[in-house]
Protein backbone atom coordinates (compact mmCIF):
# COMPACT_ATOMS: atom_id res chain seq x y z
CA MET A 1 78.69 -34.06 48.05
CA ARG A 2 74.93 -33.42 46.46
CA THR A 3 73.65 -36.14 44.80
CA MET A 4 70.99 -35.59 41.81
CA ARG A 5 67.81 -37.91 42.11
CA THR A 6 65.24 -37.71 39.77
CA ALA A 7 61.80 -37.31 40.17
CA THR A 8 59.14 -40.12 39.72
CA VAL A 9 55.74 -39.91 38.42
CA GLU A 10 53.60 -42.98 38.85
CA THR A 11 50.60 -43.42 36.70
CA GLY A 12 47.57 -41.99 37.96
CA GLU A 13 49.22 -39.46 40.51
CA LEU A 14 49.04 -36.57 38.34
CA SER A 15 47.15 -34.29 40.94
CA ARG A 16 48.27 -33.30 44.11
CA LEU A 17 44.17 -34.18 45.28
CA PRO A 18 43.49 -37.17 47.06
CA ALA A 19 41.35 -38.54 44.17
CA GLY A 20 43.85 -37.41 41.46
CA PRO A 21 43.91 -41.13 40.46
CA ILE A 22 40.04 -41.58 40.35
CA LEU A 23 40.37 -38.22 38.11
CA VAL A 24 42.95 -39.45 36.20
CA ARG A 25 41.06 -42.82 35.60
CA LEU A 26 37.74 -40.73 34.70
CA ARG A 27 39.32 -39.08 31.75
CA ARG A 28 40.81 -42.10 30.69
CA LEU A 29 36.69 -43.60 31.05
CA LEU A 30 35.32 -40.82 29.35
CA LEU A 31 38.16 -41.15 26.61
CA THR A 32 37.34 -45.02 25.85
CA THR A 33 33.72 -44.25 25.79
CA ALA A 34 34.13 -41.69 23.10
CA GLY A 35 36.88 -44.47 21.10
CA ALA A 36 33.89 -46.63 21.42
CA ALA A 37 31.64 -44.84 20.09
CA ALA A 38 33.59 -43.84 16.99
CA ALA A 39 33.82 -47.73 16.35
CA TYR A 40 30.34 -47.89 16.74
CA SER A 41 29.68 -45.85 14.03
CA LEU A 42 31.83 -47.15 12.01
CA LEU A 43 30.87 -50.81 12.31
CA SER A 44 27.18 -49.59 11.58
CA THR A 45 27.50 -47.92 9.00
CA GLY A 46 26.61 -49.52 5.65
CA SER A 47 24.64 -50.34 2.48
CA VAL A 48 23.45 -52.77 0.20
CA GLY A 49 21.47 -52.50 -3.04
CA THR A 50 19.78 -54.81 -5.72
CA CYS A 51 17.44 -54.67 -8.73
CA THR A 52 15.45 -57.50 -10.31
CA ASP A 53 13.51 -57.09 -14.18
CA SER A 54 9.58 -58.57 -13.47
CA PRO A 55 7.66 -58.40 -16.77
CA ASP A 56 4.92 -56.08 -16.15
CA ALA A 57 1.54 -57.08 -14.86
CA GLY A 58 -0.38 -55.52 -17.93
CA GLY A 59 0.57 -57.66 -20.48
CA SER A 60 2.11 -54.77 -22.80
CA GLY A 61 5.52 -57.20 -22.66
CA THR A 62 7.96 -54.43 -21.36
CA THR A 63 9.83 -55.14 -18.26
CA GLN A 64 9.54 -53.44 -14.53
CA VAL A 65 13.38 -53.07 -12.27
CA THR A 66 12.49 -52.86 -9.09
CA CYS A 67 15.34 -51.62 -7.08
CA ALA A 68 15.88 -52.45 -3.25
CA ASN A 69 18.42 -49.80 -1.48
CA LEU A 70 18.65 -50.98 2.13
CA VAL A 71 21.06 -48.40 4.47
CA MET A 72 22.15 -48.99 8.06
CA HIS A 73 22.70 -45.90 10.63
CA PRO A 74 23.80 -46.06 13.97
CA SER A 75 21.30 -46.47 16.71
CA TRP A 76 20.70 -43.56 19.02
CA ILE A 77 19.83 -46.53 21.51
CA VAL A 78 23.38 -47.31 21.56
CA TYR A 79 24.59 -43.88 22.43
CA ALA A 80 21.69 -43.57 25.37
CA ALA A 81 23.36 -46.84 26.75
CA PHE A 82 26.65 -45.62 26.28
CA ALA A 83 25.82 -42.46 28.59
CA VAL A 84 23.73 -44.54 31.02
CA ILE A 85 26.52 -47.16 31.75
CA LEU A 86 28.89 -43.93 32.33
CA PHE A 87 26.59 -41.71 34.79
CA VAL A 88 26.18 -44.86 36.31
CA ALA A 89 29.23 -45.86 37.31
CA ILE A 90 30.36 -42.11 38.02
CA GLY A 91 27.06 -42.25 40.67
CA ARG A 92 28.47 -46.00 42.13
CA VAL A 93 31.69 -44.35 42.35
CA ALA A 94 30.55 -41.46 44.41
CA ARG A 95 28.42 -43.17 46.52
CA GLN A 96 29.49 -47.08 46.71
CA SER A 97 33.41 -46.36 47.32
CA SER A 98 35.69 -46.63 50.07
CA THR A 99 39.07 -46.71 48.71
CA VAL A 100 40.49 -45.68 45.38
CA ALA A 101 40.88 -49.35 44.38
CA ASP A 102 37.28 -49.97 44.29
CA ALA A 103 36.82 -46.53 42.12
CA LEU A 104 39.60 -47.94 40.02
CA ARG A 105 37.96 -51.21 39.84
CA ILE A 106 34.34 -50.01 39.24
CA LEU A 107 35.85 -47.49 36.39
CA ASP A 108 38.29 -50.16 34.36
CA ARG A 109 35.67 -52.64 34.73
CA THR A 110 32.79 -49.57 32.73
CA ALA A 111 35.37 -49.09 30.54
CA ILE A 112 35.25 -53.22 29.57
CA VAL A 113 31.15 -53.09 29.45
CA ILE A 114 31.43 -50.16 27.16
CA GLY A 115 33.95 -51.44 24.96
CA VAL A 116 32.13 -54.89 24.37
CA LEU A 117 29.04 -53.30 23.97
CA ALA A 118 30.06 -51.13 21.57
CA VAL A 119 31.80 -53.89 19.44
CA THR A 120 29.00 -56.10 20.07
CA ALA A 121 26.39 -54.05 18.87
CA GLY A 122 28.52 -52.93 15.68
CA LEU A 123 29.37 -56.74 15.00
CA ILE A 124 25.30 -57.87 15.30
CA GLY A 125 24.27 -54.84 13.43
CA MET A 126 26.97 -55.42 10.41
CA ALA A 127 25.99 -59.33 10.60
CA TRP A 128 22.52 -58.50 10.13
CA MET A 129 23.25 -56.39 7.24
CA LEU A 130 25.21 -59.56 5.49
CA LEU A 131 22.37 -62.09 6.36
CA VAL A 132 20.21 -60.29 4.74
CA PRO A 133 19.03 -61.83 1.60
CA HIS A 134 19.09 -59.58 -1.00
CA GLU A 135 16.50 -61.36 -3.09
CA SER A 136 14.02 -60.63 -0.36
CA LEU A 137 14.68 -56.88 -0.20
CA THR A 138 13.00 -56.60 -3.62
CA SER A 139 10.05 -59.68 -3.98
CA GLY A 140 8.04 -58.19 -1.01
CA GLY A 141 9.73 -60.79 1.43
CA THR A 142 9.84 -60.06 5.51
CA VAL A 143 13.03 -58.23 6.27
CA ILE A 144 13.05 -58.33 10.06
CA PHE A 145 15.66 -55.48 11.02
CA PRO A 146 17.84 -55.73 14.07
CA PHE A 147 16.31 -52.87 16.40
CA PRO A 148 17.83 -51.98 19.14
CA PHE A 149 21.77 -52.60 17.32
CA SER A 150 21.54 -50.49 14.18
CA SER A 151 19.16 -48.10 12.47
CA PRO A 152 17.96 -49.90 8.69
CA GLU A 153 16.31 -47.78 6.12
CA LEU A 154 14.72 -49.60 3.50
CA THR A 155 14.47 -48.11 0.44
CA ILE A 156 12.05 -49.65 -2.71
CA THR A 157 11.74 -47.57 -6.13
CA HIS A 158 10.39 -49.14 -9.42
CA ASN A 159 11.20 -48.03 -12.62
CA PRO A 160 9.09 -48.87 -16.17
């Protein structure tokens, strides 16, 4: 009597190539990097604005309205860091891995590093945006930008 056997596919064994599990994990790393880039883009995008009235310096009795708008964008440096980390990991897998387990460990750790970098850079940029005193934007105070984590743009307008 014949018995029916069900075929089992192990995770990572989707290819008949000897490096099949590595290729599957590399695909997962690429998707993780794309997701991290999207999360960083969402976390590091925002704006804040404020306006103040100040008396006119000419003594005419009118007031001048000064408005400041601070817009934060993602920084290209973080995206470049994602690419550098990704290519270094692929190079390490190609040069230093002696077993499939070593290669998978390198790729898994790279995914963790990229995810942590995305969340950390996004949260630092967001925290900076929330901690900037709004009064210093229009009063001429010094504003320090979080250079590698986000790319802010400050626009100041004066309306009579």
